[in-house]
Amino acid sequence: MFKIVELFAREILDSRGNPTIEVDCILDGGALGRAAVPSGASTGSREALELRDGDKKRFGAKGVLEAINNVNHAISDELEGMDAREQGMIDMLMKQLDGTQNKAKLGANAILGVSLAIARAAAEAAGLPLFEYLGGPGARTLPVPQMNVINGGVHADNNLDVQEFMIVPAGFETFSDALRAGVETFHSLKKTLHEKKLMTSVGDEGGFAPDLKSNTEALDLILIAIEKAGYKAGEQIFLGLDAAASEFYSNGYYSFEGQKRSGADMIAYYQNLKRSYPIISME
């Protein structure tokens, strides 16, 4: 019932129109698990590596046929016949088969797709929703959403260096209340931008992408939007940042807000932001 009888990967398109990998896992009892792997516009220098073909004649060198081949042969040969409930063992075997620190041989996209497809197949075979299969019968807590409301960096064609400015509605008892507060703040931010004659076109991840005087102006606008939406910044809704600093790092310096800054300079900058704004998450 839980024996893995087939692993199969295919190439699909993600929300940006770029190729990504989708994996099917079929168990001997007939259960099917399917997983499509997301990818970001930027990858940190220490993040796991998604494997791309590099063939400029296909999808601008972003094809994933090599990762698909790794699933359909190397990974499939290793895992077929295993019990899908042995998730930890399965993940460990794939990491050993890859043998690199950043999953560069098989591809993080191949490994993640297989891992999630197997988990979903096992949950289907057990007759459980995925969250309960993974978290146990007492799993009742949903994560706090982090909503990317202003885009910069490689996510937008504007002058902001920081890639993601997020709102984090961490001061609510239920996920539904947190979600509603985030959505209302997002719409409040749009009105705030309109009032200040700023652009409300959106960036790569759906957040607004105006040209602003500085990165801190983005935080100030979000605080205004939180207040206008009827919520309290620092109590109900907090701020989050994903600087994606590796995207503006080169030759030992960070090119930030028109200046060359050292690592120590950037740390001091982030520390000052933390003192000045209700930031709860920084990446």
Foldseek 3Di string as FASTA:
>chain_A
DQFWAAKAKDWDADPVRFIAIKIWTAHPVGFIFIDTDDDDPDDFPQAAFADFQQPCVPRNRRHRVQLRVCRRPVLGVVRGGDGLLPLVVSLVVQCVSQVDNRSHRNGPRSSVNVSRRSLNRVCVVVVHDSQCSVVPPPPDDDDFDWAFAEADPPQAPEDAQFGGKTKTQPQDDDNVVSVVLRVLLSVLLLVLCVVVVWDQDATNRGHGYTHDLYPVVVVVSSCVSSVVSPHHELRGMFIETESSQVSQDDPQFGCGSNDTHHPVRVVVVVVVVVVVGRYDYYD
